[in-house]
Amino acid sequence: MIALDNPSTEELVTTDTVYIVEDDESTREALGELIRPTGAKVVTYGSAEEFLQNVDSDQPSCLLLDHQLPGMNGCELLRQLRNDNLQMPAVLVTAYATTSMAVDAMRMGAVNVLEKPCCENQLRDAIDQALALGRKEATRNATRRELAARIEGLSDNERAVLKYVLDGVPNKQIASLMNVCIRTIEARRSRIYKSMGVQSVAELTRSCVAAGFIDS
């Protein structure tokens, strides 16, 4: 885990949210009543399309959804989230479970596929598991945004030096390539380390990978 300060990832990550996507209103209400005592915020939608228009993937969350929905079904919704690069652990509930559907759902991000009717304890356990993964994903997202903002805050010259450093180019060679003295490169490198909150090339590399600035 990369530690950040001002702001910290703990400040950026807030209350758990369980999104329920279920077309039957009475079932939505019953699921909400089951989940709210856990302290999680519950947000319900009657269709996949409505959910996609309103979802906030920046907060720690999970998705509880029925497979049989009007319009886009549960597996299609999971596929759309994956295509949109929205990582949200999901629990899929269906009365028509098949092996192929369960495998497809798990590939698309479902952490569990439950067959109706399922007991309350089984459902709670599945949601707890999904929320635990959702918290980790939200923390990673918060870290990535903060580190990306720090890189964006560097000057053009500092970002140029950063790229050379990540490529393993020595200061003397960077100075020659940028047509400046080595002390200028050392000063820029020092500012980069301070801005990124790191003390070594290894830490700098990990931060840039986490920010999506370079590939792992």
Protein backbone atom coordinates (compact mmCIF):
# COMPACT_ATOMS: atom_id res chain seq x y z
CA MET A 1 0.00 0.00 0.00
CA ILE A 2 1.28 3.47 -0.89
CA ALA A 3 0.84 5.91 1.97
CA LEU A 4 -0.44 9.35 1.06
CA ASP A 5 -0.83 12.53 3.02
CA ASN A 6 -2.96 15.63 2.48
CA PRO A 7 -5.45 14.22 1.69
CA SER A 8 -5.16 10.62 2.90
CA THR A 9 -6.95 7.74 1.25
CA GLU A 10 -8.80 7.18 4.52
CA GLU A 11 -10.33 10.66 4.19
CA LEU A 12 -11.31 10.00 0.59
CA VAL A 13 -13.04 6.69 1.29
CA THR A 14 -16.36 6.98 3.12
CA THR A 15 -19.49 4.96 3.92
CA ASP A 16 -20.16 1.61 2.27
CA THR A 17 -22.91 1.69 -0.34
CA VAL A 18 -24.92 -1.28 -1.55
CA TYR A 19 -26.59 -0.70 -4.91
CA ILE A 20 -29.65 -2.88 -5.45
CA VAL A 21 -30.87 -3.39 -9.01
CA GLU A 22 -34.17 -5.25 -8.94
CA ASP A 23 -37.30 -4.60 -11.00
CA ASP A 24 -39.75 -5.82 -8.34
CA GLU A 25 -40.44 -2.96 -5.91
CA SER A 26 -41.42 -5.16 -2.95
CA THR A 27 -38.25 -7.20 -3.35
CA ARG A 28 -36.14 -4.02 -3.51
CA GLU A 29 -37.71 -2.80 -0.27
CA ALA A 30 -37.22 -6.16 1.46
CA LEU A 31 -33.56 -6.30 0.44
CA GLY A 32 -33.04 -2.75 1.64
CA GLU A 33 -34.56 -3.56 5.03
CA LEU A 34 -32.25 -6.56 5.30
CA ILE A 35 -29.09 -4.57 4.52
CA ARG A 36 -29.64 -1.22 6.29
CA PRO A 37 -29.06 -2.60 9.84
CA THR A 38 -25.45 -3.34 8.80
CA GLY A 39 -24.84 0.42 8.55
CA ALA A 40 -24.39 0.45 4.79
CA LYS A 41 -26.12 3.04 2.65
CA VAL A 42 -28.67 1.43 0.33
CA VAL A 43 -29.49 2.85 -3.11
CA THR A 44 -32.07 1.04 -5.24
CA TYR A 45 -32.85 1.04 -8.96
CA GLY A 46 -35.51 -0.70 -11.01
CA SER A 47 -33.35 -1.32 -14.08
CA ALA A 48 -29.76 -1.67 -15.21
CA GLU A 49 -30.07 1.41 -17.39
CA GLU A 50 -31.20 3.57 -14.46
CA PHE A 51 -28.30 2.29 -12.36
CA LEU A 52 -25.74 3.08 -15.08
CA GLN A 53 -26.99 6.66 -15.32
CA ASN A 54 -26.49 7.30 -11.60
CA VAL A 55 -23.73 5.05 -10.26
CA ASP A 56 -20.86 6.58 -8.26
CA SER A 57 -17.95 4.15 -8.45
CA ASP A 58 -15.62 6.36 -6.38
CA GLN A 59 -17.11 5.26 -3.06
CA PRO A 60 -16.67 1.82 -1.43
CA SER A 61 -19.59 -0.12 -2.78
CA CYS A 62 -20.97 -3.35 -4.13
CA LEU A 63 -23.80 -4.29 -6.44
CA LEU A 64 -26.66 -6.65 -5.60
CA LEU A 65 -28.65 -7.40 -8.71
CA ASP A 66 -31.24 -9.70 -10.15
CA HIS A 67 -30.40 -11.44 -13.41
CA GLN A 68 -33.86 -11.15 -14.96
CA LEU A 69 -34.34 -7.42 -15.50
CA PRO A 70 -36.30 -5.39 -18.04
CA GLY A 71 -33.97 -4.32 -20.84
CA MET A 72 -30.36 -5.16 -19.99
CA ASN A 73 -30.10 -8.29 -17.82
CA GLY A 74 -27.74 -8.84 -14.90
CA CYS A 75 -24.86 -10.39 -16.83
CA GLU A 76 -25.14 -7.75 -19.53
CA LEU A 77 -24.92 -5.05 -16.86
CA LEU A 78 -21.78 -6.63 -15.40
CA ARG A 79 -20.27 -6.77 -18.88
CA GLN A 80 -21.09 -3.10 -19.45
CA LEU A 81 -19.43 -2.14 -16.16
CA ARG A 82 -16.35 -4.09 -17.18
CA ASN A 83 -16.29 -2.42 -20.62
CA ASP A 84 -16.58 0.99 -18.92
CA ASN A 85 -13.71 0.06 -16.58
CA LEU A 86 -15.95 0.43 -13.52
CA GLN A 87 -14.72 -2.07 -10.96
CA MET A 88 -17.57 -2.93 -8.60
CA PRO A 89 -17.85 -6.31 -6.84
CA ALA A 90 -21.29 -7.78 -7.45
CA VAL A 91 -23.64 -10.41 -6.08
CA LEU A 92 -25.96 -11.80 -8.73
CA VAL A 93 -29.25 -13.36 -7.62
CA THR A 94 -31.30 -15.46 -10.01
CA ALA A 95 -34.09 -18.00 -10.08
CA TYR A 96 -32.68 -19.50 -13.28
CA ALA A 97 -29.06 -20.30 -12.46
CA THR A 98 -27.05 -22.30 -14.98
CA THR A 99 -23.38 -23.21 -14.88
CA SER A 100 -22.58 -21.18 -17.99
CA MET A 101 -24.39 -18.11 -16.65
CA ALA A 102 -22.61 -18.36 -13.29
CA VAL A 103 -19.21 -18.68 -14.98
CA ASP A 104 -19.98 -15.71 -17.23
CA ALA A 105 -21.09 -13.60 -14.26
CA MET A 106 -17.94 -14.43 -12.27
CA ARG A 107 -15.77 -13.48 -15.22
CA MET A 108 -17.56 -10.14 -15.44
CA GLY A 109 -16.98 -9.26 -11.77
CA ALA A 110 -19.55 -11.15 -9.69
CA VAL A 111 -18.03 -12.44 -6.46
CA ASN A 112 -21.02 -14.70 -5.86
CA VAL A 113 -24.03 -16.06 -7.74
CA LEU A 114 -26.96 -17.00 -5.51
CA GLU A 115 -30.00 -18.98 -6.54
CA LYS A 116 -33.45 -17.86 -5.40
CA PRO A 117 -34.71 -18.41 -2.83
CA CYS A 118 -31.58 -17.81 -0.72
CA CYS A 119 -31.44 -17.49 3.06
CA GLU A 120 -30.73 -14.16 4.75
CA ASN A 121 -27.42 -15.29 6.25
CA GLN A 122 -26.18 -16.47 2.87
CA LEU A 123 -27.10 -13.14 1.31
CA ARG A 124 -25.50 -11.11 4.12
CA ASP A 125 -22.28 -13.13 3.89
CA ALA A 126 -22.12 -12.58 0.13
CA ILE A 127 -22.68 -8.83 0.53
CA ASP A 128 -20.05 -8.61 3.28
CA GLN A 129 -17.55 -10.31 0.99
CA ALA A 130 -18.38 -7.99 -1.90
CA LEU A 131 -18.18 -4.87 0.29
CA ALA A 132 -14.76 -5.91 1.61
CA LEU A 133 -13.53 -6.07 -1.97
CA GLY A 134 -15.30 -2.80 -2.74
CA ARG A 135 -13.42 -1.03 0.06
CA LYS A 136 -10.09 -2.22 -1.32
CA GLU A 137 -11.05 -1.09 -4.82
CA ALA A 138 -12.18 2.34 -3.56
CA THR A 139 -8.90 2.80 -1.70
CA ARG A 140 -6.94 1.89 -4.84
CA ASN A 141 -9.02 4.35 -6.87
CA ALA A 142 -8.47 7.13 -4.32
CA THR A 143 -4.73 6.44 -4.31
CA ARG A 144 -4.61 6.43 -8.11
CA ARG A 145 -6.45 9.76 -8.38
CA GLU A 146 -4.25 11.43 -5.77
CA LEU A 147 -1.00 10.21 -7.33
CA ALA A 148 -2.18 11.16 -10.82
CA ALA A 149 -2.97 14.66 -9.52
CA ARG A 150 0.54 14.94 -8.06
CA ILE A 151 2.08 13.99 -11.40
CA GLU A 152 -0.19 16.46 -13.19
CA GLY A 153 1.02 19.14 -10.77
CA LEU A 154 4.62 18.74 -11.92
CA SER A 155 6.00 21.17 -14.48
CA ASP A 156 6.60 20.02 -18.06
CA ASN A 157 10.35 19.91 -17.41
CA GLU A 158 9.85 17.92 -14.22
CA ARG A 159 7.64 15.38 -16.00
CA ALA A 160 10.30 15.06 -18.70
CA VAL A 161 12.90 14.33 -16.00
CA LEU A 162 10.47 11.90 -14.36
CA LYS A 163 10.19 9.88 -17.57
CA TYR A 164 13.95 9.70 -17.93
CA VAL A 165 14.36 8.63 -14.28
CA LEU A 166 11.76 5.89 -14.72
CA ASP A 167 13.66 4.70 -17.80
CA GLY A 168 16.80 4.40 -15.68
CA VAL A 169 18.70 7.26 -17.35
CA PRO A 170 21.47 8.72 -15.10
CA ASN A 171 21.35 12.40 -14.09
CA LYS A 172 24.42 13.27 -16.17
CA GLN A 173 22.87 11.83 -19.33
CA ILE A 174 19.51 13.50 -18.60
CA ALA A 175 21.31 16.84 -18.29
CA SER A 176 22.95 16.29 -21.66
CA LEU A 177 19.67 15.26 -23.31
CA MET A 178 17.86 18.31 -21.91
CA ASN A 179 20.80 20.65 -22.51
CA VAL A 180 21.00 21.86 -18.91
CA CYS A 181 23.54 21.50 -16.12
CA ILE A 182 23.46 18.48 -13.83
CA ARG A 183 22.56 20.64 -10.81
CA THR A 184 19.35 21.65 -12.58
CA ILE A 185 18.45 17.99 -13.07
CA GLU A 186 19.27 17.23 -9.44
CA ALA A 187 17.03 20.09 -8.30
CA ARG A 188 14.17 18.94 -10.54
CA ARG A 189 14.59 15.38 -9.36
CA SER A 190 14.48 16.54 -5.74
CA ARG A 191 11.23 18.44 -6.39
CA ILE A 192 9.74 15.36 -8.06
CA TYR A 193 10.56 13.18 -5.05
CA LYS A 194 9.09 15.77 -2.67
CA SER A 195 5.91 16.21 -4.73
CA MET A 196 5.38 12.46 -5.00
CA GLY A 197 6.20 11.83 -1.33
CA VAL A 198 8.92 9.27 -2.10
CA GLN A 199 12.58 8.79 -1.24
CA SER A 200 13.80 6.30 -3.82
CA VAL A 201 13.45 5.30 -7.46
CA ALA A 202 11.71 2.11 -6.37
CA GLU A 203 9.05 4.07 -4.45
CA LEU A 204 8.72 6.52 -7.34
CA THR A 205 8.18 3.66 -9.78
CA ARG A 206 5.50 2.06 -7.59
CA SER A 207 3.71 5.40 -7.28
CA CYS A 208 3.76 5.96 -11.04
CA VAL A 209 2.43 2.45 -11.67
CA ALA A 210 -0.35 3.02 -9.13
CA ALA A 211 -1.20 6.33 -10.84
CA GLY A 212 -1.41 4.66 -14.25
CA PHE A 213 1.45 6.87 -15.50
CA ILE A 214 3.42 3.78 -16.56
CA ASP A 215 2.53 0.12 -17.01
CA SER A 216 3.40 -2.39 -14.32
